[in-house]
Structure formats: structure tokens, C-alpha cells
Amino acid sequence: MQFFVVRSGQPGCEPTCPEWISAEGTIVDESPARFRRLLKSIGNRRLPVVVTSPGGDVDAALAIGRMIRTRKLEVAVGMTRFIGCQPEQQDCSDNHRKGARNIGIAFSGGAYCNSACPLMLAGGTRRVVGEWAFLGVHQITTTYIKTETQYRTKYRVVNGKKKMTSKKVVSRRNVGGYKTYEMNRATERKLAAYLAEMGVGRSVIDLMKITPAADIRKIEPVAMLEMKLTTKLGGVELLTSIEACRTVPAAANCRVFVMSDLER
């Protein structure tokens, strides 16, 4: 999963525009560390997270969800269309003159949050999924890998007894493994505790358990509200629209662009 801070490119928003964190891609082991680095880079600013993801590693999703809750961030299922320079480009002087490294438009159509992604979504203090976005769950896949490890050990005799002085791994190889699609009790307890911590109903787990791993169960907007997976009907525009910057006071993710920002 890649994370970028984005400033709205919606016409008419300057000089005060909403900003957000774009989070897109598969959730992997390294994702929490990447997210932590981005949060450190923005200091105490509270920017909403706009996420689209097929899912991925459950433990990593839980870790990101907890970071989101600790920082009191809001989350929306959505995608970001970057305007001008793309995130992977090195020279973005045109965008810098507009006040940000990444400029874009957030939208709900075609966005999705599946598998482990709803667990990340659950971390938001406010959680929204538009009617044109897709949110779905299925059974967790657990992979067990058998590993054969060979060691080199050294011993010495002390008072007539053999005592090991060192042990070093010399080789390690996979010798098989298997997958299971049934949620074990330990995993169920862990997920139930996390969802309770986030104020989300455990009916999310019930849907996961009855949906085969090869399938995906779409959760409709009203059902999301009932299980408290979302907090309000509406899409990503609730968190990223320029209207959020025209209230008094303006939303926390609104930033005024002044010329001195070019030096940052």
C-alpha cells in the first residue's frame, strides 16, 4: 500500500483547500511502517484517509486501524485521481507552485475496500462509504508453512558434562505447508476485541465466517450503518469537498496556501 498527502485540485478551492491521505494498494507487512512514517511527516495535522484496497495482511490492517484511531483520523472509501505531476515523478515544480507535492480529486465511483481493508476502515473516528463504492468481506485465509532448519552447534565439557557453547543457523528451507479458510478461535477473539475497541458490531465477523474465501460478500450502505462499520451515509466528498473549508471553523484538513509554503 502506498500513502501520499494530496491537496484538492477542485476548481475554486484556493486559497483554502482540503487535503487528505491517499492510501491505495494491497495491505502488506511493511504498510504500517510506511503509514507511520507519513504520519510523522505531517506532525499533528489530522488529515482524513481516502482508501481503496483489495485487502491483504490482517495484522497489518489492524495496526493501521489503531494508528488511525490514535490520531483521531476519519476514513472514506475512495480513489484519488492525481492532477499534473504523478506521485512517482521526480520533478514536480508545477505542482509546488500550486502549494503541494500531490494535487488531485477524490471520488467514490469504482473505489473498493475488501477483505482486510474494512478492518483498517474501522479505525476511523468517522467512516463513510459512498453508494458507488464497494465494501466487501470474506473468510480469512491462514497459511501455515513448515520449515526445516539446520544448526551448527559447538560444545565443551565442563566438570565432566557436555555444555553447548554456541548454536548457529546454517540453512533453512520450506518443506511444505497448507492453507486453512476456517477462522480459529484465537483469530475470532482478536478480531472481536478489535472491533469492540473501535465501536463496530461483531456482525462483521459473522459475515466473514459465512463467506467463502474465493467469494466476496458486498455489504450494502444501510447494513454498514446497522453494524456501525460506517458512521454516516455519504461518500468521500463528505471529507474532501471544498465545502468542508467554507464552514466556520473550517474542517481540520483544510490548509491555506500562502507563498511562503513554496519554501517548505
Protein backbone atom coordinates (compact mmCIF):
# COMPACT_ATOMS: atom_id res chain seq x y z
CA MET A 1 0.00 0.00 0.00
CA GLN A 2 1.23 3.46 -0.96
CA PHE A 3 0.48 6.60 1.05
CA PHE A 4 0.56 10.19 -0.23
CA VAL A 5 -0.61 13.53 1.12
CA VAL A 6 -2.85 15.12 -1.51
CA ARG A 7 -4.20 18.67 -1.86
CA SER A 8 -7.54 19.13 -3.60
CA GLY A 9 -7.38 20.32 -7.18
CA GLN A 10 -11.10 21.05 -7.27
CA PRO A 11 -11.66 24.33 -9.17
CA GLY A 12 -12.40 27.29 -6.94
CA CYS A 13 -10.96 25.94 -3.69
CA GLU A 14 -7.86 28.12 -3.43
CA PRO A 15 -6.50 29.60 -1.28
CA THR A 16 -8.04 27.26 1.32
CA CYS A 17 -8.27 23.67 0.12
CA PRO A 18 -8.91 20.33 1.80
CA GLU A 19 -6.08 17.81 1.97
CA TRP A 20 -6.13 14.10 2.64
CA ILE A 21 -4.01 10.95 2.78
CA SER A 22 -4.36 8.73 -0.26
CA ALA A 23 -3.97 5.06 0.72
CA GLU A 24 -4.12 2.67 -2.22
CA GLY A 25 -3.00 -0.89 -2.83
CA THR A 26 -2.61 -4.20 -1.03
CA ILE A 27 -2.01 -4.10 2.73
CA VAL A 28 1.30 -5.88 3.39
CA ASP A 29 3.69 -6.36 6.33
CA GLU A 30 5.54 -3.12 5.53
CA SER A 31 2.39 -0.98 5.23
CA PRO A 32 2.14 0.04 8.92
CA ALA A 33 5.75 1.28 8.90
CA ARG A 34 5.11 3.32 5.75
CA PHE A 35 1.96 4.80 7.25
CA ARG A 36 3.80 5.62 10.48
CA ARG A 37 6.49 7.49 8.53
CA LEU A 38 3.88 9.54 6.69
CA LEU A 39 2.08 10.43 9.92
CA LYS A 40 5.38 11.57 11.40
CA SER A 41 5.99 13.78 8.37
CA ILE A 42 2.71 15.70 8.80
CA GLY A 43 3.11 16.34 12.52
CA ASN A 44 -0.12 16.91 14.41
CA ARG A 45 -2.28 17.57 11.35
CA ARG A 46 -5.45 15.48 11.18
CA LEU A 47 -5.97 14.51 7.56
CA PRO A 48 -8.68 12.04 6.52
CA VAL A 49 -7.61 8.79 4.89
CA VAL A 50 -9.05 8.01 1.45
CA VAL A 51 -8.56 4.29 0.89
CA THR A 52 -9.07 1.78 -1.88
CA SER A 53 -7.64 -1.70 -1.35
CA PRO A 54 -8.30 -5.36 -2.19
CA GLY A 55 -7.24 -6.23 1.36
CA GLY A 56 -4.17 -8.12 2.44
CA ASP A 57 -2.49 -8.87 5.74
CA VAL A 58 -4.95 -8.86 8.65
CA ASP A 59 -2.45 -7.94 11.37
CA ALA A 60 -1.13 -5.04 9.27
CA ALA A 61 -4.71 -3.80 8.73
CA LEU A 62 -5.32 -3.89 12.49
CA ALA A 63 -2.09 -1.98 13.13
CA ILE A 64 -3.01 0.76 10.65
CA GLY A 65 -6.54 0.93 12.04
CA ARG A 66 -5.18 1.51 15.54
CA MET A 67 -2.84 4.25 14.31
CA ILE A 68 -5.78 5.92 12.59
CA ARG A 69 -7.82 5.81 15.79
CA THR A 70 -4.94 7.06 17.95
CA ARG A 71 -4.56 10.07 15.66
CA LYS A 72 -8.37 10.55 15.57
CA LEU A 73 -8.47 10.45 11.77
CA GLU A 74 -11.52 10.00 9.56
CA VAL A 75 -11.65 7.42 6.76
CA ALA A 76 -13.52 7.22 3.47
CA VAL A 77 -13.50 4.56 0.79
CA GLY A 78 -12.43 6.39 -2.33
CA MET A 79 -9.80 6.82 -5.03
CA THR A 80 -7.57 9.74 -5.91
CA ARG A 81 -7.05 10.98 -9.47
CA PHE A 82 -3.79 12.88 -9.49
CA ILE A 83 -3.63 16.11 -11.47
CA GLY A 84 -0.46 17.27 -13.17
CA CYS A 85 2.58 15.54 -11.74
CA GLN A 86 2.11 11.92 -10.71
CA PRO A 87 3.49 10.68 -7.36
CA GLU A 88 6.32 8.72 -8.99
CA GLN A 89 7.63 11.75 -10.94
CA GLN A 90 10.83 13.34 -9.66
CA ASP A 91 10.35 16.92 -10.86
CA CYS A 92 7.07 18.43 -9.70
CA SER A 93 7.85 22.14 -9.82
CA ASP A 94 4.47 22.87 -11.44
CA ASN A 95 2.62 21.34 -8.51
CA HIS A 96 4.85 23.03 -5.95
CA ARG A 97 3.83 26.39 -7.37
CA LYS A 98 0.26 25.39 -6.55
CA GLY A 99 1.06 24.61 -2.94
CA ALA A 100 1.56 20.84 -2.76
CA ARG A 101 3.63 17.93 -4.00
CA ASN A 102 0.50 15.95 -4.95
CA ILE A 103 -2.71 17.52 -6.24
CA GLY A 104 -5.80 15.50 -7.05
CA ILE A 105 -9.51 14.85 -6.95
CA ALA A 106 -11.06 12.23 -4.64
CA PHE A 107 -14.05 10.22 -5.89
CA SER A 108 -16.12 7.21 -4.84
CA GLY A 109 -17.01 5.59 -8.17
CA GLY A 110 -15.03 2.39 -8.69
CA ALA A 111 -13.37 2.53 -5.27
CA TYR A 112 -13.36 -0.62 -3.15
CA CYS A 113 -12.39 -1.83 0.30
CA ASN A 114 -12.39 -5.61 0.58
CA SER A 115 -11.17 -8.46 2.76
CA ALA A 116 -8.90 -6.99 5.47
CA CYS A 117 -9.49 -3.40 4.33
CA PRO A 118 -12.75 -2.95 6.32
CA LEU A 119 -10.68 -3.64 9.46
CA MET A 120 -8.49 -0.68 8.57
CA LEU A 121 -11.60 1.39 7.83
CA ALA A 122 -12.95 0.58 11.30
CA GLY A 123 -10.19 2.68 12.85
CA GLY A 124 -11.69 5.94 11.59
CA THR A 125 -13.47 8.24 14.03
CA ARG A 126 -15.84 8.98 11.15
CA ARG A 127 -16.25 6.33 8.45
CA VAL A 128 -18.02 6.83 5.12
CA VAL A 129 -18.58 4.65 2.05
CA GLY A 130 -20.44 6.15 -0.91
CA GLU A 131 -23.15 4.31 -2.83
CA TRP A 132 -20.83 3.99 -5.85
CA ALA A 133 -18.04 2.41 -3.81
CA PHE A 134 -17.80 -1.28 -2.94
CA LEU A 135 -17.11 -2.71 0.50
CA GLY A 136 -16.93 -6.46 0.99
CA VAL A 137 -15.68 -9.17 3.31
CA HIS A 138 -14.87 -12.87 3.17
CA GLN A 139 -13.29 -15.60 5.21
CA ILE A 140 -9.70 -15.12 6.31
CA THR A 141 -7.08 -17.32 4.67
CA THR A 142 -4.37 -18.55 7.03
CA THR A 143 -1.22 -20.07 5.55
CA TYR A 144 0.95 -22.40 7.60
CA ILE A 145 4.47 -23.09 6.32
CA LYS A 146 6.65 -25.94 7.58
CA THR A 147 10.31 -25.04 7.78
CA GLU A 148 13.33 -27.32 8.15
CA THR A 149 16.23 -25.65 9.93
CA GLN A 150 19.77 -26.99 10.33
CA TYR A 151 22.09 -25.69 13.02
CA ARG A 152 25.83 -25.87 13.69
CA THR A 153 26.44 -26.32 17.39
CA LYS A 154 29.60 -26.28 19.44
CA TYR A 155 30.09 -27.93 22.81
CA ARG A 156 32.68 -28.21 25.52
CA VAL A 157 32.98 -30.47 28.51
CA VAL A 158 32.64 -28.75 31.89
CA ASN A 159 33.08 -30.81 35.03
CA GLY A 160 32.52 -33.95 33.01
CA LYS A 161 29.29 -32.65 31.47
CA LYS A 162 28.69 -31.66 27.86
CA LYS A 163 27.69 -27.99 27.59
CA MET A 164 26.60 -26.18 24.41
CA THR A 165 28.63 -23.02 23.79
CA SER A 166 27.10 -21.80 20.52
CA LYS A 167 24.29 -22.51 18.10
CA LYS A 168 24.16 -21.03 14.59
CA VAL A 169 21.64 -21.48 11.77
CA VAL A 170 23.38 -22.82 8.66
CA SER A 171 20.36 -23.47 6.44
CA ARG A 172 16.60 -23.05 6.39
CA ARG A 173 14.15 -24.27 3.78
CA ASN A 174 10.43 -24.70 3.34
CA VAL A 175 9.34 -28.34 3.31
CA GLY A 176 5.63 -27.87 2.77
CA GLY A 177 2.64 -26.13 4.19
CA TYR A 178 -1.09 -25.75 3.94
CA LYS A 179 -3.87 -23.17 3.98
CA THR A 180 -6.99 -23.08 6.07
CA TYR A 181 -10.08 -20.99 5.46
CA GLU A 182 -11.70 -21.55 8.83
CA MET A 183 -11.36 -18.82 11.42
CA ASN A 184 -9.86 -20.30 14.55
CA ARG A 185 -10.96 -19.18 17.99
CA ALA A 186 -7.85 -17.15 18.68
CA THR A 187 -8.31 -15.13 15.49
CA GLU A 188 -12.01 -14.65 16.17
CA ARG A 189 -11.30 -13.37 19.68
CA LYS A 190 -8.65 -10.99 18.34
CA LEU A 191 -10.96 -9.56 15.69
CA ALA A 192 -13.90 -9.32 18.09
CA ALA A 193 -11.77 -7.42 20.61
CA TYR A 194 -10.52 -5.04 17.92
CA LEU A 195 -13.98 -4.29 16.54
CA ALA A 196 -15.33 -3.73 20.05
CA GLU A 197 -12.43 -1.36 20.68
CA MET A 198 -13.42 0.58 17.54
CA GLY A 199 -17.13 0.58 18.34
CA VAL A 200 -18.07 -1.71 15.44
CA GLY A 201 -20.51 -4.61 15.75
CA ARG A 202 -19.24 -8.21 15.66
CA SER A 203 -21.74 -8.99 12.90
CA VAL A 204 -18.85 -8.08 10.57
CA ILE A 205 -17.13 -11.25 11.79
CA ASP A 206 -20.28 -13.30 11.24
CA LEU A 207 -20.38 -12.21 7.59
CA MET A 208 -16.70 -13.02 7.18
CA LYS A 209 -17.17 -16.53 8.58
CA ILE A 210 -20.02 -17.49 6.22
CA THR A 211 -18.46 -16.08 3.03
CA PRO A 212 -16.01 -18.40 1.22
CA ALA A 213 -12.50 -17.04 0.69
CA ALA A 214 -12.94 -17.34 -3.08
CA ASP A 215 -16.02 -15.11 -2.92
CA ILE A 216 -16.74 -11.63 -1.59
CA ARG A 217 -19.82 -10.51 0.32
CA LYS A 218 -20.84 -6.94 -0.50
CA ILE A 219 -22.19 -5.00 2.45
CA GLU A 220 -24.92 -2.55 1.50
CA PRO A 221 -24.89 1.03 2.90
CA VAL A 222 -27.80 0.52 5.31
CA ALA A 223 -26.24 -2.70 6.65
CA MET A 224 -22.93 -0.87 7.15
CA LEU A 225 -24.73 1.65 9.33
CA GLU A 226 -26.53 -1.05 11.30
CA MET A 227 -23.29 -2.83 12.14
CA LYS A 228 -21.61 0.55 12.82
CA LEU A 229 -18.97 -0.09 10.19
CA THR A 230 -19.87 3.34 8.83
CA THR A 231 -20.98 6.32 10.88
CA LYS A 232 -22.93 8.23 8.23
CA LEU A 233 -24.43 7.72 4.79
CA GLY A 234 -22.40 9.52 2.16
CA GLY A 235 -19.22 9.29 0.16
CA VAL A 236 -15.69 10.60 0.10
CA GLU A 237 -16.93 14.12 -0.70
CA LEU A 238 -18.01 14.47 2.93
CA LEU A 239 -14.31 14.58 3.89
CA THR A 240 -12.66 16.10 0.81
CA SER A 241 -15.12 18.60 -0.70
CA ILE A 242 -14.24 22.30 -0.76
CA GLU A 243 -17.49 22.87 1.16
CA ALA A 244 -15.72 21.49 4.25
CA CYS A 245 -13.38 24.51 4.10
CA ARG A 246 -16.20 27.06 3.92
CA THR A 247 -17.64 26.30 7.32
CA VAL A 248 -16.77 28.25 10.47
CA PRO A 249 -14.48 26.92 11.71
CA ALA A 250 -13.13 25.14 8.64
CA ALA A 251 -12.52 21.38 8.79
CA ALA A 252 -9.24 20.26 10.34
CA ASN A 253 -7.89 19.06 6.98
CA CYS A 254 -8.18 22.49 5.32
CA ARG A 255 -4.97 24.43 4.74
CA VAL A 256 -4.48 27.95 3.47
CA PHE A 257 -1.82 28.20 0.77
CA VAL A 258 0.46 31.21 1.00
CA MET A 259 3.59 31.95 -0.98
CA SER A 260 5.85 31.06 1.96
CA ASP A 261 4.60 27.45 1.58
CA LEU A 262 6.78 27.17 -1.53
CA GLU A 263 9.87 27.22 0.70
CA ARG A 264 8.74 24.26 2.81
